[in-house]
Amino acid sequence: MSSSAIETDTSDLVCQLDNVQGIVDALSTVRWKRHQDAVVELSEHGIVLIVEETGCLQAKVYLQKELFIRYEYTAQGRPRFGLSLGLFVDCLNTFSVPGHSSSIEIQYPGPDMQLLLKSADSLDDCIYAEIRTRIPETISWDYNFEPAGSTPLSFTVKSAVLKEAIDDLEWPGSSIQIILKPVPPSVTFRGEGHGDLQIDLMYYANTDLLIAFHCDHEVSYRYKYKFLRATTSNVPSNVIKDNRGSKLTIGRGGMLKVQHLVSVARPSTSHQHIDSAGYQQPSRIAYIEFFVKPEEDEDTVND
């Protein structure tokens, strides 16, 4: 495809990113199956990608405009389009060079409503790609998350610990019970199969693993294992290696929100975005949110 095929005058969005691998990591986090459709929403604030398993699980990737070194948005309203998540990730991977922070330009829409990608590292050599988009499917709005009360029911745990706990509780077709208790402050993961397996995280005894804890009354909900596993199964290895925190919050009706942070900073310059406490500034972080609906259970302890 020639460079003349990319026209920016009629585009809703033209943006440029200096670390393709960071976006690949963020999007891969919500890729829990091979064939998966996604809805992309554009706005003056950034890009949101949404995927869901009807009636059970929804995930969102927030790419704020501060992540991009160029973000030119001219649309009225918030354009949406559908695409194949797997195709999008695989296409982005072709622009990513191991050991090198590749830059990419993204444009929407193209002449035939395509999503256009172009390498931005060199004027001499360019890679172009077009991804066919489609009219987006309706996104379920029954995942609106509401607090369970005046005090948040939440805890933050090291990402590696969360993934290991969920992996250890694996049993095909099973459910995982999550129990929060204020006295003693603790989180329990309980799996049911041929016998029970239980993992307890005591807040005061494991502050290096259970980083934060907020709970003023006992709550207990069960979640399908395959959906709970989807929230951690594809978390990038660099997030697990850095052992950042993942936050879990239980909302009204037992809706579980799982939040991860994925760095999209250039490896060679990431030190410029780290403050004195060792935390990366929000402008170089992609926010990932999963929403998991609980199973109906008459024995659930709540309120």
Protein backbone atom coordinates (compact mmCIF):
# COMPACT_ATOMS: atom_id res chain seq x y z
CA MET A 1 0.00 0.00 0.00
CA SER A 2 1.44 3.37 -0.89
CA SER A 3 1.78 6.18 1.60
CA SER A 4 -0.65 8.24 -0.43
CA ALA A 5 -3.41 5.84 0.61
CA ILE A 6 -3.33 7.27 4.11
CA GLU A 7 -5.20 10.55 4.18
CA THR A 8 -5.64 12.36 7.48
CA ASP A 9 -7.99 15.17 6.44
CA THR A 10 -11.17 13.15 6.98
CA SER A 11 -9.98 11.00 9.88
CA ASP A 12 -11.69 10.97 13.26
CA LEU A 13 -8.40 10.04 14.91
CA VAL A 14 -4.72 10.02 14.05
CA CYS A 15 -2.42 9.01 16.87
CA GLN A 16 1.13 7.82 17.36
CA LEU A 17 2.60 5.57 20.02
CA ASP A 18 6.29 5.01 20.77
CA ASN A 19 6.02 1.51 22.29
CA VAL A 20 3.97 -1.00 20.32
CA GLN A 21 4.84 -3.85 22.69
CA GLY A 22 3.19 -2.01 25.58
CA ILE A 23 -0.12 -1.90 23.70
CA VAL A 24 0.26 -5.56 22.70
CA ASP A 25 0.72 -6.46 26.39
CA ALA A 26 -2.33 -4.45 27.43
CA LEU A 27 -4.62 -5.91 24.76
CA SER A 28 -3.31 -9.47 25.28
CA THR A 29 -4.44 -9.25 28.91
CA VAL A 30 -8.09 -9.40 27.82
CA ARG A 31 -7.61 -12.01 25.09
CA TRP A 32 -8.95 -15.06 26.89
CA LYS A 33 -9.90 -17.07 23.80
CA ARG A 34 -8.67 -17.47 20.25
CA HIS A 35 -11.63 -16.00 18.37
CA GLN A 36 -12.83 -12.89 20.13
CA ASP A 37 -14.64 -9.81 18.90
CA ALA A 38 -14.04 -6.40 20.40
CA VAL A 39 -15.68 -3.00 20.32
CA VAL A 40 -13.42 0.06 20.13
CA GLU A 41 -14.67 3.46 21.30
CA LEU A 42 -12.82 6.67 20.46
CA SER A 43 -13.04 9.96 22.33
CA GLU A 44 -11.07 13.09 23.08
CA HIS A 45 -9.86 11.35 26.26
CA GLY A 46 -8.40 8.26 24.59
CA ILE A 47 -9.30 4.82 23.30
CA VAL A 48 -11.34 2.15 25.08
CA LEU A 49 -11.46 -1.46 23.88
CA ILE A 50 -14.27 -3.67 25.23
CA VAL A 51 -14.69 -7.45 25.05
CA GLU A 52 -17.23 -9.64 26.74
CA GLU A 53 -18.58 -13.13 27.26
CA THR A 54 -22.32 -12.59 27.06
CA GLY A 55 -23.93 -12.39 30.46
CA CYS A 56 -20.88 -13.46 32.43
CA LEU A 57 -17.70 -11.49 31.87
CA GLN A 58 -16.66 -8.13 30.46
CA ALA A 59 -13.24 -6.50 30.15
CA LYS A 60 -12.08 -3.03 29.19
CA VAL A 61 -8.68 -1.67 28.20
CA TYR A 62 -8.27 2.08 28.74
CA LEU A 63 -5.63 3.77 26.60
CA GLN A 64 -5.62 7.38 27.74
CA LYS A 65 -4.49 10.01 25.26
CA GLU A 66 -1.47 10.74 27.50
CA LEU A 67 -0.04 7.36 26.43
CA PHE A 68 0.40 8.65 22.89
CA ILE A 69 3.10 11.01 21.66
CA ARG A 70 0.52 12.34 19.17
CA TYR A 71 -3.26 12.30 19.55
CA GLU A 72 -5.33 14.27 17.07
CA TYR A 73 -9.04 13.75 17.58
CA THR A 74 -11.58 15.60 15.42
CA ALA A 75 -14.76 13.49 15.59
CA GLN A 76 -18.09 14.63 16.90
CA GLY A 77 -19.34 12.33 19.63
CA ARG A 78 -17.66 9.00 20.27
CA PRO A 79 -17.24 6.80 17.17
CA ARG A 80 -17.40 3.05 17.71
CA PHE A 81 -16.40 0.13 15.54
CA GLY A 82 -16.01 -3.61 15.89
CA LEU A 83 -13.02 -5.76 14.99
CA SER A 84 -11.34 -9.06 15.72
CA LEU A 85 -9.21 -8.72 18.86
CA GLY A 86 -6.93 -11.56 17.81
CA LEU A 87 -6.35 -10.03 14.39
CA PHE A 88 -5.64 -6.63 15.96
CA VAL A 89 -3.08 -8.04 18.41
CA ASP A 90 -1.40 -10.22 15.77
CA CYS A 91 -1.21 -7.24 13.41
CA LEU A 92 0.34 -5.02 16.08
CA ASN A 93 2.87 -7.76 16.78
CA THR A 94 4.22 -7.44 13.23
CA PHE A 95 5.24 -3.87 14.10
CA SER A 96 6.98 -4.91 17.32
CA VAL A 97 10.70 -5.69 17.11
CA PRO A 98 12.23 -7.62 20.07
CA GLY A 99 14.60 -5.42 22.06
CA HIS A 100 13.47 -2.29 20.22
CA SER A 101 10.74 0.22 21.11
CA SER A 102 8.89 0.41 17.82
CA SER A 103 6.69 3.41 17.01
CA ILE A 104 3.40 3.16 15.17
CA GLU A 105 0.79 5.51 13.74
CA ILE A 106 -2.88 4.56 13.99
CA GLN A 107 -5.63 6.16 11.96
CA TYR A 108 -9.41 5.74 11.78
CA PRO A 109 -11.32 5.63 9.54
CA GLY A 110 -9.65 4.81 6.25
CA PRO A 111 -11.38 5.24 2.86
CA ASP A 112 -13.43 2.06 3.45
CA MET A 113 -13.82 2.49 7.24
CA GLN A 114 -10.66 0.47 7.90
CA LEU A 115 -8.33 0.88 10.85
CA LEU A 116 -4.99 1.91 9.32
CA LEU A 117 -1.61 1.15 10.88
CA LYS A 118 1.77 2.48 9.75
CA SER A 119 5.25 2.13 11.19
CA ALA A 120 6.71 5.48 12.23
CA ASP A 121 10.35 4.63 12.96
CA SER A 122 11.86 5.37 9.57
CA LEU A 123 11.11 7.47 6.53
CA ASP A 124 12.92 4.98 4.31
CA ASP A 125 11.15 1.77 5.31
CA CYS A 126 7.48 1.60 6.25
CA ILE A 127 5.09 -1.19 7.12
CA TYR A 128 1.40 -0.59 6.38
CA ALA A 129 -1.60 -2.61 7.47
CA GLU A 130 -5.34 -2.34 7.15
CA ILE A 131 -7.83 -4.00 9.49
CA ARG A 132 -11.39 -4.30 8.28
CA THR A 133 -13.87 -3.01 10.85
CA ARG A 134 -17.57 -3.68 11.18
CA ILE A 135 -20.66 -2.25 12.79
CA PRO A 136 -20.18 -2.91 16.52
CA GLU A 137 -22.40 -5.26 18.44
CA THR A 138 -24.40 -3.88 21.32
CA ILE A 139 -22.44 -3.78 24.55
CA SER A 140 -24.22 -4.97 27.67
CA TRP A 141 -24.81 -2.15 30.11
CA ASP A 142 -25.71 -4.42 33.02
CA TYR A 143 -22.05 -4.44 34.04
CA ASN A 144 -22.40 -0.97 35.56
CA PHE A 145 -20.43 -1.24 38.77
CA GLU A 146 -21.93 0.22 41.93
CA PRO A 147 -20.34 0.24 45.42
CA ALA A 148 -21.80 -2.26 47.87
CA GLY A 149 -21.97 0.38 50.61
CA SER A 150 -20.31 3.43 52.11
CA THR A 151 -17.13 1.44 52.78
CA PRO A 152 -15.49 -0.14 49.71
CA LEU A 153 -15.19 -3.90 49.81
CA SER A 154 -11.79 -4.24 48.20
CA PHE A 155 -8.30 -5.62 48.51
CA THR A 156 -5.06 -5.21 46.58
CA VAL A 157 -2.81 -8.23 46.14
CA LYS A 158 0.44 -8.77 44.29
CA SER A 159 -0.41 -9.78 40.72
CA ALA A 160 1.79 -12.88 40.86
CA VAL A 161 0.09 -14.04 44.07
CA LEU A 162 -3.39 -13.55 42.60
CA LYS A 163 -2.53 -15.50 39.45
CA GLU A 164 -0.90 -18.31 41.44
CA ALA A 165 -3.87 -18.57 43.81
CA ILE A 166 -6.39 -18.83 40.98
CA ASP A 167 -4.21 -21.31 39.06
CA ASP A 168 -3.87 -23.50 42.17
CA LEU A 169 -7.66 -23.66 42.61
CA GLU A 170 -8.28 -24.99 39.11
CA TRP A 171 -10.94 -27.63 38.71
CA PRO A 172 -12.88 -28.01 35.43
CA GLY A 173 -16.40 -26.63 35.69
CA SER A 174 -15.95 -25.61 39.29
CA SER A 175 -16.64 -22.39 41.15
CA ILE A 176 -14.40 -20.26 43.32
CA GLN A 177 -15.75 -18.70 46.48
CA ILE A 178 -14.24 -15.39 47.58
CA ILE A 179 -14.78 -14.45 51.22
CA LEU A 180 -13.84 -11.13 52.83
CA LYS A 181 -13.87 -10.87 56.64
CA PRO A 182 -13.22 -7.72 58.69
CA VAL A 183 -12.22 -9.66 61.84
CA PRO A 184 -9.60 -10.88 61.45
CA PRO A 185 -9.06 -8.89 58.23
CA SER A 186 -8.60 -11.59 55.61
CA VAL A 187 -9.39 -12.82 52.12
CA THR A 188 -10.20 -16.45 51.42
CA PHE A 189 -10.25 -18.18 48.03
CA ARG A 190 -12.03 -21.52 48.21
CA GLY A 191 -12.28 -24.00 45.36
CA GLU A 192 -14.62 -26.96 45.19
CA GLY A 193 -13.92 -30.16 43.31
CA HIS A 194 -13.11 -33.61 44.69
CA GLY A 195 -12.66 -32.10 48.11
CA ASP A 196 -12.05 -28.46 48.93
CA LEU A 197 -8.93 -26.37 48.54
CA GLN A 198 -8.65 -23.09 50.41
CA ILE A 199 -6.13 -20.25 50.26
CA ASP A 200 -6.16 -17.67 53.06
CA LEU A 201 -4.49 -14.27 52.91
CA MET A 202 -4.33 -12.62 56.32
CA TYR A 203 -3.92 -8.86 56.01
CA TYR A 204 -1.66 -8.13 58.97
CA ALA A 205 0.34 -11.32 58.55
CA ASN A 206 0.86 -10.95 54.80
CA THR A 207 1.16 -7.22 54.11
CA ASP A 208 3.90 -7.96 51.59
CA LEU A 209 1.38 -10.01 49.58
CA LEU A 210 -1.96 -8.46 50.58
CA ILE A 211 -1.07 -4.81 50.07
CA ALA A 212 -4.36 -3.15 51.02
CA PHE A 213 -7.65 -4.27 52.54
CA HIS A 214 -11.01 -2.53 53.10
CA CYS A 215 -14.00 -4.37 54.52
CA ASP A 216 -16.52 -3.50 57.25
CA HIS A 217 -18.70 -6.64 57.05
CA GLU A 218 -18.32 -10.22 55.89
CA VAL A 219 -19.20 -10.96 52.28
CA SER A 220 -19.05 -14.17 50.28
CA TYR A 221 -19.72 -14.80 46.60
CA ARG A 222 -19.03 -17.61 44.15
CA TYR A 223 -17.72 -17.12 40.63
CA LYS A 224 -17.31 -19.53 37.75
CA TYR A 225 -13.70 -20.65 37.68
CA LYS A 226 -13.23 -20.19 33.93
CA PHE A 227 -14.34 -16.56 34.12
CA LEU A 228 -12.24 -15.79 37.21
CA ARG A 229 -9.24 -17.40 35.55
CA ALA A 230 -9.73 -15.20 32.48
CA THR A 231 -8.94 -12.15 34.64
CA THR A 232 -5.37 -13.33 35.25
CA SER A 233 -4.49 -16.02 32.68
CA ASN A 234 -3.04 -13.57 30.13
CA VAL A 235 -1.51 -10.94 32.38
CA PRO A 236 1.84 -10.03 30.72
CA SER A 237 4.94 -11.71 32.11
CA ASN A 238 6.55 -8.32 32.81
CA VAL A 239 3.65 -7.43 35.12
CA ILE A 240 4.02 -10.76 36.93
CA LYS A 241 7.79 -10.30 37.09
CA ASP A 242 7.52 -6.78 38.51
CA ASN A 243 4.86 -8.14 40.89
CA ARG A 244 2.67 -5.07 40.73
CA GLY A 245 -0.58 -4.95 42.61
CA SER A 246 -3.95 -6.02 41.24
CA LYS A 247 -7.05 -4.59 42.91
CA LEU A 248 -10.25 -6.57 43.44
CA THR A 249 -13.48 -4.86 44.47
CA ILE A 250 -16.86 -6.44 45.22
CA GLY A 251 -19.78 -4.22 44.29
CA ARG A 252 -23.52 -4.35 44.72
CA GLY A 253 -24.99 -7.75 44.01
CA GLY A 254 -21.57 -9.39 44.12
CA MET A 255 -20.22 -7.91 40.88
CA LEU A 256 -16.45 -8.43 41.00
CA LYS A 257 -14.12 -5.85 39.47
CA VAL A 258 -10.50 -6.85 38.88
CA GLN A 259 -8.05 -4.09 37.93
CA HIS A 260 -4.54 -4.42 36.50
CA LEU A 261 -1.96 -1.82 35.48
CA VAL A 262 0.20 -2.45 32.42
CA SER A 263 3.16 -0.22 31.59
CA VAL A 264 3.43 1.14 28.06
CA ALA A 265 6.54 3.20 28.74
CA ARG A 266 9.51 2.85 26.41
CA PRO A 267 12.04 0.55 28.16
CA SER A 268 14.92 2.88 27.32
CA THR A 269 13.20 5.92 28.80
CA SER A 270 10.92 4.45 31.43
CA HIS A 271 13.10 5.87 34.20
CA GLN A 272 11.94 9.32 33.19
CA HIS A 273 8.42 8.41 34.23
CA ILE A 274 9.16 6.92 37.66
CA ASP A 275 8.78 9.09 40.73
CA SER A 276 10.93 9.07 43.87
CA ALA A 277 8.80 6.34 45.44
CA GLY A 278 9.43 4.03 42.50
CA TYR A 279 5.96 4.22 40.97
CA GLN A 280 5.34 4.93 37.32
CA GLN A 281 3.33 8.01 36.59
CA PRO A 282 -0.24 7.33 35.40
CA SER A 283 0.42 8.82 31.95
CA ARG A 284 2.47 5.75 30.99
CA ILE A 285 0.05 3.13 32.33
CA ALA A 286 -2.77 1.31 30.56
CA TYR A 287 -5.68 0.48 32.84
CA ILE A 288 -7.33 -2.94 32.54
CA GLU A 289 -10.68 -3.75 34.16
CA PHE A 290 -12.56 -7.04 34.30
CA PHE A 291 -16.14 -7.39 35.53
CA VAL A 292 -17.27 -10.85 36.64
CA LYS A 293 -20.85 -11.64 37.58
CA PRO A 294 -21.37 -13.94 40.58
CA GLU A 295 -23.19 -17.23 40.52
CA GLU A 296 -26.63 -17.35 42.10
CA ASP A 297 -26.29 -19.06 45.46
CA GLU A 298 -28.89 -19.30 48.20
CA ASP A 299 -26.20 -19.86 50.83
CA THR A 300 -24.21 -16.74 49.94
CA VAL A 301 -23.41 -14.68 53.04
CA ASN A 302 -24.06 -10.97 52.49
CA ASP A 303 -25.50 -7.89 54.08
